[in-house]
């Protein structure tokens, strides 16, 4: 049997359990015998589930975990004398099944079913489970998501309202090669679902052609390293959060953007005049000078440490000063002394959100550009600055600053900069991942943004969906109707501006 998808089980568990683990709660009651003292509804539904999953009869040893302050019951089923296979079931105390997963202990996958076979068997399971009262939404209320199913190698369905899928209300079903359902996760429960009468109607959305034009306006050129050999390429990529308000054409503000690149507001053609060779630190004294003179940090009374290491195949040397649980550091190339990063360690004890914002965005932009100039190549003439809303340290101004050639930002050469929004002083700088010089494609040979969008939409068509934004770690009470590009597991959301072709993964 297929081994359980640990990522999906972890997600399900995190969303179902209370803040404190069941085993850490003083009110937890654990029963290790079978049958366990479950209420009649849960016991009945377990029996109903076993009629759909014959392998449950081979797992008679039952353990139950539940806490008085949780609405969830965790049930574990095992064989008489073997540790594996083991089945874990999360149920509401009302009897609704939220998730289950079977760990067979197999080291290798059985031959897997095709997507079509998985979809057919998953639909049969969901239909029977609904008829038996194990899940509260019917198959008619769900939409199959082929792209997500292919990506997760299972059957993914989304809760549908007004015939529009709801992004965060999904059902996942996974089967082994024999057709047994070995994993199930239900986030599409009617409980907590929005009132359809209070949601934006699809008739209020702009047309697909209007949405296409709005997204074309945000299709911007970048230099990037692409392919297995990291070839410098000129590409087009959509700039934004990935969720476009279907009524206004503007990007929806959401913390989901932290998982995407190029999500902020861009400011182009900012002139720079680097003072000379990029800044380097070949000794403790030179590193201290950078922290004191560039960042304005006071190092008196701090304890010093020095260490060598490597990350992502790159060696580094770090100079670090610690005082009052605050760490100020300079990380350099151990041979040349070229500075990779410097500033204040942004752990939660080091950089706290400010009480108020006392400087303007314009002042913060100027401070960020001023900070990076000593670290730039001496032939740099201009940079492009991007606001970064969803990176630490929270509450301060965060930017990505890109050296520009032909007015086009080079993604892998970006500097990540944080500016204190109370004082206007720099907090930290993280340098680029590459320092090599490249021969870059001439933008005169590039296709237009409109042509790039045509290619992009062949692989990432726009879809209407209801979406719950998340801001300050809190999900909105009501979803927004948005256009989003369909995820394609075979290609990136990047178009080569010279060849006019989508870039493969």
Protein backbone atom coordinates (compact mmCIF):
# COMPACT_ATOMS: atom_id res chain seq x y z
CA UNK A 1 0.00 0.00 0.00
CA UNK A 2 1.05 3.57 -0.58
CA UNK A 3 2.81 5.15 2.33
CA UNK A 4 0.93 8.08 3.86
CA UNK A 5 1.52 11.58 2.56
CA UNK A 6 3.08 13.09 5.69
CA UNK A 7 2.70 16.65 4.43
CA UNK A 8 -1.05 16.32 3.98
CA UNK A 9 -1.46 14.59 7.35
CA UNK A 10 0.53 17.34 9.06
CA UNK A 11 -1.62 20.03 7.47
CA UNK A 12 -4.78 18.27 8.51
CA UNK A 13 -3.57 17.77 12.04
CA UNK A 14 -2.47 21.37 12.43
CA UNK A 15 -5.82 22.70 11.28
CA UNK A 16 -7.86 20.37 13.45
CA UNK A 17 -6.15 20.25 16.82
CA UNK A 18 -6.22 22.94 19.45
CA UNK A 19 -3.16 25.10 20.10
CA UNK A 20 -1.88 22.65 22.73
CA UNK A 21 -1.15 19.07 21.64
CA UNK A 22 -3.61 16.56 22.96
CA UNK A 23 -0.90 14.66 24.75
CA UNK A 24 0.22 17.83 26.56
CA UNK A 25 -3.23 18.82 27.81
CA UNK A 26 -4.05 18.04 31.42
CA UNK A 27 -7.61 17.15 30.49
CA UNK A 28 -6.60 14.55 27.90
CA UNK A 29 -8.08 11.09 28.39
CA UNK A 30 -6.24 8.30 26.56
CA UNK A 31 -7.84 4.89 26.15
CA UNK A 32 -5.73 2.02 24.85
CA UNK A 33 -8.28 -0.78 24.66
CA UNK A 34 -10.79 -1.78 22.05
CA UNK A 35 -13.61 -0.99 21.88
CA UNK A 36 -12.88 2.53 23.21
CA UNK A 37 -15.51 4.57 25.08
CA UNK A 38 -16.67 6.68 22.13
CA UNK A 39 -20.06 8.31 21.80
CA UNK A 40 -22.65 6.47 19.77
CA UNK A 41 -22.36 8.76 16.72
CA UNK A 42 -18.59 8.37 16.45
CA UNK A 43 -18.78 4.61 17.01
CA UNK A 44 -21.49 4.28 14.36
CA UNK A 45 -19.50 6.35 11.85
CA UNK A 46 -16.36 4.32 12.46
CA UNK A 47 -18.35 1.20 11.63
CA UNK A 48 -19.73 2.93 8.52
CA UNK A 49 -16.20 3.92 7.47
CA UNK A 50 -14.99 0.33 7.88
CA UNK A 51 -17.60 -0.79 5.32
CA UNK A 52 -15.87 1.53 2.81
CA UNK A 53 -12.34 0.59 3.90
CA UNK A 54 -12.15 -3.21 4.32
CA UNK A 55 -8.57 -3.04 5.61
CA UNK A 56 -9.88 -1.50 8.85
CA UNK A 57 -11.10 -4.94 9.91
CA UNK A 58 -7.45 -6.02 9.99
CA UNK A 59 -6.66 -3.23 12.48
CA UNK A 60 -8.68 -4.09 15.60
CA UNK A 61 -6.48 -2.48 18.29
CA UNK A 62 -7.88 0.99 18.87
CA UNK A 63 -6.45 3.97 20.79
CA UNK A 64 -8.43 7.17 21.37
CA UNK A 65 -7.12 10.61 22.30
CA UNK A 66 -9.41 13.50 23.09
CA UNK A 67 -9.31 16.67 25.15
CA UNK A 68 -12.19 18.42 26.86
CA UNK A 69 -11.29 21.72 25.18
CA UNK A 70 -11.05 20.27 21.66
CA UNK A 71 -13.79 19.37 19.21
CA UNK A 72 -11.59 16.69 17.69
CA UNK A 73 -11.10 13.03 18.51
CA UNK A 74 -7.95 11.24 17.32
CA UNK A 75 -8.35 7.51 16.75
CA UNK A 76 -5.48 5.14 15.99
CA UNK A 77 -6.03 1.61 14.65
CA UNK A 78 -3.37 -1.13 14.52
CA UNK A 79 -3.04 -4.86 14.05
CA UNK A 80 -2.88 -7.16 17.08
CA UNK A 81 0.89 -7.67 17.29
CA UNK A 82 2.45 -5.52 14.55
CA UNK A 83 3.43 -1.86 14.79
CA UNK A 84 2.45 -1.33 11.16
CA UNK A 85 0.19 -0.91 9.31
CA UNK A 86 -1.29 1.92 11.38
CA UNK A 87 -4.29 4.09 10.60
CA UNK A 88 -4.85 7.54 12.14
CA UNK A 89 -8.32 9.10 11.99
CA UNK A 90 -9.30 12.65 12.95
CA UNK A 91 -13.03 13.01 13.68
CA UNK A 92 -15.21 15.78 14.98
CA UNK A 93 -17.07 14.90 18.17
CA UNK A 94 -20.17 15.29 15.99
CA UNK A 95 -19.00 12.24 14.05
CA UNK A 96 -17.82 14.00 10.89
CA UNK A 97 -14.55 12.62 9.52
CA UNK A 98 -11.97 15.35 8.93
CA UNK A 99 -9.07 13.18 7.80
CA UNK A 100 -7.49 9.76 7.94
CA UNK A 101 -4.27 8.20 6.72
CA UNK A 102 -2.93 4.66 6.53
CA UNK A 103 0.78 4.05 7.05
CA UNK A 104 1.59 0.64 5.62
CA UNK A 105 5.29 0.91 6.40
CA UNK A 106 6.16 0.09 2.79
CA UNK A 107 9.46 1.51 1.61
CA UNK A 108 8.35 1.72 -2.00
CA UNK A 109 5.16 2.72 -3.72
CA UNK A 110 2.96 0.15 -5.38
CA UNK A 111 2.14 0.74 -9.00
CA UNK A 112 -0.03 3.82 -8.88
CA UNK A 113 -3.37 4.42 -10.55
CA UNK A 114 -3.76 6.91 -13.36
CA UNK A 115 -5.29 10.29 -12.54
CA UNK A 116 -8.48 9.23 -14.30
CA UNK A 117 -8.76 6.04 -12.25
CA UNK A 118 -8.02 7.92 -9.03
CA UNK A 119 -10.70 10.50 -9.83
CA UNK A 120 -13.30 7.81 -10.58
CA UNK A 121 -12.62 5.84 -7.39
CA UNK A 122 -12.36 9.00 -5.27
CA UNK A 123 -15.75 10.16 -6.53
CA UNK A 124 -17.26 6.78 -5.67
CA UNK A 125 -15.78 6.98 -2.16
CA UNK A 126 -17.00 10.55 -1.58
CA UNK A 127 -20.50 9.67 -2.82
CA UNK A 128 -20.74 6.69 -0.47
CA UNK A 129 -19.21 8.65 2.43
CA UNK A 130 -21.79 11.42 1.99
CA UNK A 131 -24.65 8.93 1.83
CA UNK A 132 -23.46 7.40 5.11
CA UNK A 133 -23.19 10.82 6.78
CA UNK A 134 -19.40 10.73 7.09
CA UNK A 135 -18.90 13.98 5.17
CA UNK A 136 -21.45 16.77 4.93
CA UNK A 137 -20.88 18.01 1.36
CA UNK A 138 -22.03 16.03 -1.64
CA UNK A 139 -20.06 15.37 -4.80
CA UNK A 140 -22.32 17.87 -6.59
CA UNK A 141 -20.96 20.58 -4.28
CA UNK A 142 -17.36 19.82 -5.23
CA UNK A 143 -15.24 20.59 -8.30
CA UNK A 144 -12.36 18.38 -9.40
CA UNK A 145 -8.99 20.17 -9.68
CA UNK A 146 -6.88 18.37 -12.26
CA UNK A 147 -3.74 20.52 -11.85
CA UNK A 148 -3.62 20.09 -8.06
CA UNK A 149 -4.42 16.39 -8.42
CA UNK A 150 -1.47 15.92 -10.76
CA UNK A 151 0.82 17.88 -8.46
CA UNK A 152 -0.17 15.92 -5.32
CA UNK A 153 -0.65 12.58 -7.10
CA UNK A 154 -4.14 12.16 -5.70
CA UNK A 155 -7.65 13.43 -6.31
CA UNK A 156 -8.25 17.04 -5.22
CA UNK A 157 -11.69 18.63 -5.12
CA UNK A 158 -12.70 22.16 -4.11
CA UNK A 159 -15.93 23.24 -2.45
CA UNK A 160 -18.05 25.03 -5.04
CA UNK A 161 -20.35 28.02 -4.46
CA UNK A 162 -22.21 29.66 -7.33
CA UNK A 163 -20.32 27.09 -9.45
CA UNK A 164 -17.08 28.78 -8.41
CA UNK A 165 -14.47 26.83 -6.38
CA UNK A 166 -13.44 28.12 -2.95
CA UNK A 167 -9.63 28.18 -2.75
CA UNK A 168 -9.19 27.06 0.86
CA UNK A 169 -12.11 24.60 1.00
CA UNK A 170 -10.66 21.41 -0.44
CA UNK A 171 -10.97 17.63 -0.22
CA UNK A 172 -8.00 15.35 -0.88
CA UNK A 173 -8.29 11.60 -1.58
CA UNK A 174 -5.29 9.34 -2.17
CA UNK A 175 -5.40 5.72 -3.31
CA UNK A 176 -2.86 2.93 -3.48
CA UNK A 177 -2.22 0.78 -6.53
CA UNK A 178 -4.96 -1.65 -5.49
CA UNK A 179 -7.57 1.11 -5.41
CA UNK A 180 -7.83 1.38 -1.62
CA UNK A 181 -8.42 4.86 -0.22
CA UNK A 182 -5.42 5.27 2.08
CA UNK A 183 -5.59 8.99 2.74
CA UNK A 184 -8.37 11.54 3.08
CA UNK A 185 -8.46 15.18 4.16
CA UNK A 186 -11.61 17.32 4.26
CA UNK A 187 -11.36 21.10 4.55
CA UNK A 188 -14.57 21.64 2.56
CA UNK A 189 -17.03 21.16 5.40
CA UNK A 190 -20.26 23.13 5.21
CA UNK A 191 -19.55 24.17 8.78
CA UNK A 192 -17.98 27.61 8.51
CA UNK A 193 -18.66 27.92 4.79
CA UNK A 194 -19.71 31.38 3.59
CA UNK A 195 -23.32 32.30 2.91
CA UNK A 196 -23.66 32.24 -0.92
CA UNK A 197 -26.10 35.15 -0.81
CA UNK A 198 -23.42 37.38 0.74
CA UNK A 199 -20.69 36.61 -1.78
CA UNK A 200 -19.87 38.53 -4.97
CA UNK A 201 -21.74 37.03 -7.88
CA UNK A 202 -19.75 35.77 -10.89
CA UNK A 203 -21.83 38.22 -12.94
CA UNK A 204 -20.02 41.06 -11.14
CA UNK A 205 -16.60 39.90 -12.35
CA UNK A 206 -14.77 41.55 -15.21
CA UNK A 207 -14.62 39.51 -18.39
CA UNK A 208 -11.73 37.09 -18.98
CA UNK A 209 -10.46 39.44 -21.69
CA UNK A 210 -10.43 42.37 -19.25
CA UNK A 211 -8.65 40.23 -16.66
CA UNK A 212 -6.10 39.21 -19.29
CA UNK A 213 -5.41 42.86 -20.12
CA UNK A 214 -5.07 43.79 -16.45
CA UNK A 215 -2.56 40.99 -15.94
CA UNK A 216 -0.68 41.90 -19.13
CA UNK A 217 -0.08 45.33 -17.63
CA UNK A 218 1.80 43.57 -14.80
CA UNK A 219 3.88 41.31 -17.08
CA UNK A 220 7.38 42.70 -16.51
CA UNK A 221 10.85 41.82 -17.89
CA UNK A 222 13.64 40.42 -15.70
CA UNK A 223 17.07 38.96 -16.19
CA UNK A 224 17.18 35.54 -14.53
CA UNK A 225 19.33 32.42 -14.49
CA UNK A 226 17.25 29.61 -15.99
CA UNK A 227 17.61 25.92 -16.76
CA UNK A 228 19.90 23.31 -15.20
CA UNK A 229 22.99 25.17 -16.44
CA UNK A 230 21.75 28.50 -15.01
CA UNK A 231 21.83 30.34 -18.33
CA UNK A 232 21.36 34.14 -18.07
CA UNK A 233 18.04 34.81 -19.78
CA UNK A 234 15.68 37.68 -20.40
CA UNK A 235 12.23 36.62 -19.22
CA UNK A 236 8.75 37.96 -18.57
CA UNK A 237 7.03 37.30 -15.27
CA UNK A 238 3.79 38.57 -13.72
CA UNK A 239 4.39 40.93 -10.80
CA UNK A 240 1.79 40.70 -8.02
CA UNK A 241 0.30 38.61 -5.23
CA UNK A 242 -1.17 36.06 -7.65
CA UNK A 243 -4.78 36.87 -6.68
CA UNK A 244 -6.48 39.55 -8.77
CA UNK A 245 -9.73 41.08 -7.53
CA UNK A 246 -12.21 40.02 -10.21
CA UNK A 247 -14.21 43.24 -9.82
CA UNK A 248 -11.42 45.84 -9.77
CA UNK A 249 -8.46 44.21 -11.50
CA UNK A 250 -6.16 45.11 -8.59
CA UNK A 251 -4.07 42.61 -6.66
CA UNK A 252 -5.53 41.29 -3.41
CA UNK A 253 -3.34 41.98 -0.39
CA UNK A 254 -2.56 38.63 1.27
CA UNK A 255 0.28 36.92 3.09
CA UNK A 256 0.11 34.11 0.52
CA UNK A 257 2.35 36.43 -1.51
CA UNK A 258 5.31 35.52 0.72
CA UNK A 259 5.57 32.25 -1.20
CA UNK A 260 5.97 34.00 -4.56
CA UNK A 261 8.69 36.16 -6.06
CA UNK A 262 8.10 39.68 -7.40
CA UNK A 263 4.97 40.49 -5.40
CA UNK A 264 5.59 44.09 -4.34
CA UNK A 265 5.47 47.52 -5.94
CA UNK A 266 8.40 48.26 -8.26
CA UNK A 267 10.28 51.55 -8.63
CA UNK A 268 12.51 51.75 -11.70
CA UNK A 269 15.58 53.70 -12.87
CA UNK A 270 16.89 54.83 -9.48
CA UNK A 271 20.38 56.29 -10.12
CA UNK A 272 23.34 55.08 -8.05
CA UNK A 273 27.02 56.00 -7.85
CA UNK A 274 29.03 53.27 -6.09
CA UNK A 275 32.15 54.66 -4.38
CA UNK A 276 34.56 52.08 -5.80
CA UNK A 277 35.22 48.39 -5.35
CA UNK A 278 32.47 46.47 -3.50
CA UNK A 279 32.87 46.62 0.26
CA UNK A 280 34.99 43.86 1.81
CA UNK A 281 35.99 42.79 5.32
CA UNK A 282 39.18 40.74 5.69
CA UNK A 283 39.50 41.09 9.45
CA UNK A 284 37.56 41.58 12.67
CA UNK A 285 38.45 45.28 12.59
CA UNK A 286 37.16 45.80 9.04
CA UNK A 287 33.92 43.94 9.86
CA UNK A 288 33.43 46.09 12.96
CA UNK A 289 33.98 49.21 10.85
CA UNK A 290 31.15 48.18 8.50
CA UNK A 291 28.71 47.66 11.38
CA UNK A 292 29.69 50.95 13.01
CA UNK A 293 30.05 53.22 9.98
CA UNK A 294 27.53 51.76 7.51
CA UNK A 295 24.84 50.56 9.93
CA UNK A 296 25.51 52.87 12.86
CA UNK A 297 25.67 50.02 15.38
CA UNK A 298 27.38 50.39 18.76
CA UNK A 299 29.64 47.40 19.55
CA UNK A 300 31.14 48.47 22.89
CA UNK A 301 30.73 45.77 25.53
CA UNK A 302 29.61 43.10 23.04
CA UNK A 303 31.18 39.64 23.05
CA UNK A 304 32.86 38.65 19.77
CA UNK A 305 32.89 35.30 17.97
CA UNK A 306 34.14 34.14 14.60
CA UNK A 307 33.28 31.01 12.64
CA UNK A 308 33.63 29.43 9.22
CA UNK A 309 30.92 27.46 7.48
CA UNK A 310 29.20 26.70 4.21
CA UNK A 311 25.68 27.03 2.84
CA UNK A 312 24.27 26.14 -0.57
CA UNK A 313 27.74 25.02 -1.62
CA UNK A 314 29.31 28.38 -0.77
CA UNK A 315 31.93 28.85 1.96
CA UNK A 316 31.69 31.82 4.29
CA UNK A 317 33.25 33.41 7.36
CA UNK A 318 31.06 35.13 9.94
CA UNK A 319 32.07 37.84 12.40
CA UNK A 320 29.48 38.21 15.18
CA UNK A 321 29.03 40.55 18.15
CA UNK A 322 26.47 39.65 20.85
CA UNK A 323 25.11 41.89 23.60
CA UNK A 324 21.79 41.76 25.49
CA UNK A 325 20.54 38.88 23.29
CA UNK A 326 21.15 40.98 20.16
CA UNK A 327 23.45 39.67 17.44
CA UNK A 328 25.17 41.93 14.94
CA UNK A 329 27.03 40.15 12.19
CA UNK A 330 29.06 40.43 8.99
CA UNK A 331 29.29 37.39 6.69
CA UNK A 332 32.02 37.39 4.04
CA UNK A 333 33.77 35.31 1.42
CA UNK A 334 36.66 33.73 3.37
CA UNK A 335 39.12 34.36 0.52
CA UNK A 336 38.27 37.79 -0.88
CA UNK A 337 36.44 39.27 2.11
CA UNK A 338 33.53 40.25 -0.17
CA UNK A 339 30.53 40.94 2.08
CA UNK A 340 27.61 38.54 1.65
CA UNK A 341 25.40 39.95 4.41
CA UNK A 342 25.53 42.23 7.43
CA UNK A 343 23.36 43.79 10.09
CA UNK A 344 21.19 42.78 13.02
CA UNK A 345 20.09 39.17 13.32
CA UNK A 346 16.32 39.30 12.79
CA UNK A 347 15.34 36.59 15.24
CA UNK A 348 12.19 37.37 17.23
CA UNK A 349 14.28 38.51 20.21
CA UNK A 350 16.30 40.91 18.08
CA UNK A 351 13.88 42.91 15.95
CA UNK A 352 10.47 43.70 17.38
CA UNK A 353 7.65 45.35 15.41
CA UNK A 354 7.80 49.11 15.94
CA UNK A 355 5.28 50.96 18.08
CA UNK A 356 4.75 53.45 15.26
CA UNK A 357 6.02 54.36 11.81
CA UNK A 358 7.86 57.67 11.97
CA UNK A 359 9.50 57.84 8.55
CA UNK A 360 7.92 57.89 5.10
CA UNK A 361 8.21 55.25 2.39
CA UNK A 362 10.24 57.71 0.33
CA UNK A 363 12.74 58.21 3.15
CA UNK A 364 12.99 54.44 3.65
CA UNK A 365 13.62 53.93 -0.08
CA UNK A 366 16.41 56.50 -0.01
CA UNK A 367 17.96 54.81 3.03
CA UNK A 368 17.84 51.39 1.32
CA UNK A 369 19.47 52.67 -1.87
CA UNK A 370 22.11 54.54 0.14
CA UNK A 371 22.88 51.39 2.16
CA UNK A 372 23.59 49.13 -0.82
CA UNK A 373 25.80 51.52 -2.81
CA UNK A 374 29.10 50.50 -1.13
CA UNK A 375 28.24 46.86 -1.93
CA UNK A 376 27.49 47.38 -5.66
CA UNK A 377 29.80 46.73 -8.59
CA UNK A 378 31.56 50.01 -9.44
CA UNK A 379 30.06 50.07 -12.95
CA UNK A 380 26.46 50.05 -11.63
CA UNK A 381 24.47 53.06 -12.85
CA UNK A 382 20.90 52.33 -11.73
CA UNK A 383 18.85 49.98 -9.59
CA UNK A 384 15.25 48.83 -9.38
CA UNK A 385 13.61 48.75 -5.94
CA UNK A 386 10.75 46.46 -4.89
CA UNK A 387 8.76 46.85 -1.68
CA UNK A 388 8.55 43.56 0.25
CA UNK A 389 5.48 43.41 2.47
CA UNK A 390 5.60 39.88 3.82
CA UNK A 391 9.14 39.29 5.01
CA UNK A 392 10.70 39.65 8.46
CA UNK A 393 11.20 41.84 10.34
CA UNK A 394 7.49 42.64 10.47
CA UNK A 395 6.37 46.23 10.69
CA UNK A 396 9.56 47.69 9.24
CA UNK A 397 10.27 48.68 5.64
CA UNK A 398 11.59 45.73 3.63
CA UNK A 399 12.94 46.02 0.09
CA UNK A 400 14.56 44.01 -2.65
CA UNK A 401 17.01 46.17 -4.59
CA UNK A 402 18.09 44.87 -8.00
CA UNK A 403 21.06 46.07 -10.05
CA UNK A 404 19.63 47.01 -13.44
CA UNK A 405 20.99 46.56 -16.97
CA UNK A 406 19.09 48.30 -19.77
CA UNK A 407 16.66 49.33 -17.03
CA UNK A 408 15.83 45.66 -16.36
CA UNK A 409 16.38 44.11 -12.89
CA UNK A 410 18.61 41.05 -12.49
CA UNK A 411 16.74 38.74 -10.08
CA UNK A 412 19.64 36.68 -8.70
CA UNK A 413 21.69 39.82 -7.98
CA UNK A 414 19.13 41.36 -5.63
CA UNK A 415 19.91 42.79 -2.20
CA UNK A 416 17.38 42.22 0.59
CA UNK A 417 17.26 45.31 2.82
CA UNK A 418 15.34 46.12 6.01
CA UNK A 419 15.00 49.70 7.30
CA UNK A 420 13.80 50.60 10.80
CA UNK A 421 10.51 52.47 10.34
CA UNK A 422 10.98 54.47 13.54
CA UNK A 423 14.57 55.62 13.14
CA UNK A 424 15.20 55.27 9.40
CA UNK A 425 18.40 53.35 10.16
CA UNK A 426 19.28 50.07 8.41
CA UNK A 427 18.57 46.79 10.18
CA UNK A 428 20.21 44.32 7.84
CA UNK A 429 21.38 43.65 4.29
CA UNK A 430 21.47 40.25 2.58
CA UNK A 431 23.55 40.27 -0.58
CA UNK A 432 22.98 38.54 -3.93
CA UNK A 433 23.24 34.81 -4.49
CA UNK A 434 25.62 35.30 -7.44
CA UNK A 435 28.42 37.79 -8.09
CA UNK A 436 29.61 36.66 -11.53
CA UNK A 437 29.34 38.92 -14.54
CA UNK A 438 27.28 37.70 -17.49
CA UNK A 439 26.68 38.57 -21.11
CA UNK A 440 22.97 39.41 -21.05
CA UNK A 441 20.42 39.15 -23.89
CA UNK A 442 19.61 42.40 -25.68
CA UNK A 443 16.04 43.56 -24.91
CA UNK A 444 15.76 44.71 -28.54
CA UNK A 445 15.31 41.03 -29.40
CA UNK A 446 12.47 40.53 -26.91
CA UNK A 447 8.85 39.85 -27.68
CA UNK A 448 6.17 42.19 -26.32
CA UNK A 449 4.40 41.76 -22.99
CA UNK A 450 1.20 40.99 -24.93
CA UNK A 451 2.91 38.16 -26.81
CA UNK A 452 4.38 36.84 -23.57
CA UNK A 453 0.92 36.81 -21.97
CA UNK A 454 -0.49 34.79 -24.89
CA UNK A 455 2.16 32.12 -24.28
CA UNK A 456 1.70 32.30 -20.51
CA UNK A 457 -2.06 31.69 -20.70
CA UNK A 458 -1.60 28.56 -22.82
CA UNK A 459 -0.14 26.90 -19.73
CA UNK A 460 -1.62 29.00 -16.93
CA UNK A 461 -5.21 29.90 -17.90
CA UNK A 462 -7.03 32.35 -15.66
CA UNK A 463 -9.68 30.89 -13.35
CA UNK A 464 -12.35 32.46 -11.18
CA UNK A 465 -12.26 31.39 -7.55
CA UNK A 466 -13.39 32.53 -4.12
CA UNK A 467 -10.36 33.24 -1.96
CA UNK A 468 -9.85 34.06 1.74
CA UNK A 469 -7.00 36.62 2.10
CA UNK A 470 -4.76 36.31 5.16
CA UNK A 471 -3.24 39.39 6.77
CA UNK A 472 -1.46 39.69 10.13
CA UNK A 473 -1.86 35.88 10.39
CA UNK A 474 -5.67 36.21 10.40
CA UNK A 475 -7.94 34.86 7.69
CA UNK A 476 -10.62 37.21 6.39
CA UNK A 477 -14.19 36.47 7.47
CA UNK A 478 -15.49 36.47 3.90
CA UNK A 479 -13.79 35.36 0.68
CA UNK A 480 -13.08 37.62 -2.28
CA UNK A 481 -13.89 36.71 -5.89
CA UNK A 482 -10.56 36.61 -7.71
CA UNK A 483 -8.89 35.63 -10.94
CA UNK A 484 -5.80 33.46 -10.50
CA UNK A 485 -3.54 31.66 -12.92
CA UNK A 486 -3.84 27.88 -12.86
CA UNK A 487 -0.76 26.14 -11.48
CA UNK A 488 1.00 23.90 -14.00
CA UNK A 489 3.42 21.41 -12.41
CA UNK A 490 5.36 20.99 -15.67
CA UNK A 491 6.34 24.61 -16.34
CA UNK A 492 7.25 27.79 -14.47
CA UNK A 493 5.21 30.98 -14.49
CA UNK A 494 7.98 32.47 -16.61
CA UNK A 495 8.18 33.18 -20.37
CA UNK A 496 11.51 33.45 -22.20
CA UNK A 497 11.40 36.93 -23.75
CA UNK A 498 13.71 35.98 -26.64
CA UNK A 499 12.34 32.59 -27.68
CA UNK A 500 8.76 33.44 -26.72
CA UNK A 501 8.39 30.03 -25.02
CA UNK A 502 7.31 29.10 -21.51
CA UNK A 503 10.21 28.02 -19.27
CA UNK A 504 10.00 24.35 -18.12
CA UNK A 505 10.57 23.33 -14.51
